[in-house]
């Protein structure tokens, strides 16, 4: 399953190393995006950037998915 992982570079609850390990565990179908100057609460710290990342991923993923089905 395609998966977007969004991780705050300064996350003190779940350090970045855990995000990197999660990416390795999920493999090539996952995409890790690290948000600079953000901690654990990205949705409160950088809501516009979070929204942009999710929208871009959904649009790009749907195009890839449609192309893979041809």
Protein backbone atom coordinates (compact mmCIF):
# COMPACT_ATOMS: atom_id res chain seq x y z
CA UNK A 1 0.00 0.00 0.00
CA UNK A 2 1.31 3.45 -0.84
CA UNK A 3 1.98 5.41 2.34
CA UNK A 4 2.94 9.00 3.06
CA UNK A 5 4.90 9.51 6.28
CA UNK A 6 5.14 13.12 7.44
CA UNK A 7 7.61 13.69 10.26
CA UNK A 8 8.69 16.79 12.15
CA UNK A 9 12.43 17.29 12.07
CA UNK A 10 12.39 18.48 15.71
CA UNK A 11 9.91 15.86 17.02
CA UNK A 12 10.81 15.13 20.65
CA UNK A 13 7.98 12.64 21.21
CA UNK A 14 9.01 10.35 18.35
CA UNK A 15 12.56 11.22 17.22
CA UNK A 16 13.33 11.36 13.51
CA UNK A 17 15.24 8.08 13.70
CA UNK A 18 11.89 6.32 14.27
CA UNK A 19 10.53 7.86 11.07
CA UNK A 20 13.56 6.65 9.15
CA UNK A 21 13.12 3.15 10.59
CA UNK A 22 9.42 3.18 9.69
CA UNK A 23 10.29 4.16 6.12
CA UNK A 24 12.79 1.29 5.86
CA UNK A 25 10.22 -1.12 7.31
CA UNK A 26 7.47 -0.09 4.89
CA UNK A 27 9.82 -0.15 1.91
CA UNK A 28 9.59 1.34 -1.55
CA UNK A 29 5.85 1.98 -1.45
CA UNK A 30 6.30 4.58 1.28
CA UNK A 31 7.46 8.17 1.07
CA UNK A 32 8.99 9.97 4.06
CA UNK A 33 8.68 13.75 4.11
CA UNK A 34 10.55 15.58 6.84
CA UNK A 35 9.16 18.97 7.82
CA UNK A 36 11.88 21.39 8.88
CA UNK A 37 11.44 23.44 12.05
CA UNK A 38 8.47 21.33 13.15
CA UNK A 39 7.97 19.08 16.13
CA UNK A 40 5.38 16.43 16.93
CA UNK A 41 2.27 18.59 16.37
CA UNK A 42 2.77 19.44 12.70
CA UNK A 43 -0.96 19.93 12.26
CA UNK A 44 -0.83 22.82 14.76
CA UNK A 45 2.66 24.12 13.97
CA UNK A 46 2.49 24.15 10.18
CA UNK A 47 -1.08 23.41 9.08
CA UNK A 48 -0.76 24.96 5.61
CA UNK A 49 2.39 22.97 4.83
CA UNK A 50 0.80 19.77 6.11
CA UNK A 51 -2.28 20.34 3.95
CA UNK A 52 -0.12 21.04 0.89
CA UNK A 53 1.92 17.87 1.43
CA UNK A 54 -1.18 15.70 1.79
CA UNK A 55 -2.90 17.24 -1.25
CA UNK A 56 0.19 16.84 -3.42
CA UNK A 57 0.62 13.24 -2.34
CA UNK A 58 -3.01 12.35 -3.03
CA UNK A 59 -2.89 13.92 -6.49
CA UNK A 60 0.47 12.36 -7.41
CA UNK A 61 -0.45 8.96 -5.96
CA UNK A 62 -3.73 8.81 -7.83
CA UNK A 63 -1.93 9.51 -11.11
CA UNK A 64 0.62 6.79 -10.37
CA UNK A 65 -2.14 4.39 -9.40
CA UNK A 66 -4.08 5.01 -12.61
CA UNK A 67 -0.91 4.59 -14.69
CA UNK A 68 -0.03 1.30 -12.94
CA UNK A 69 -3.43 -0.18 -13.83
CA UNK A 70 -2.97 0.27 -17.60
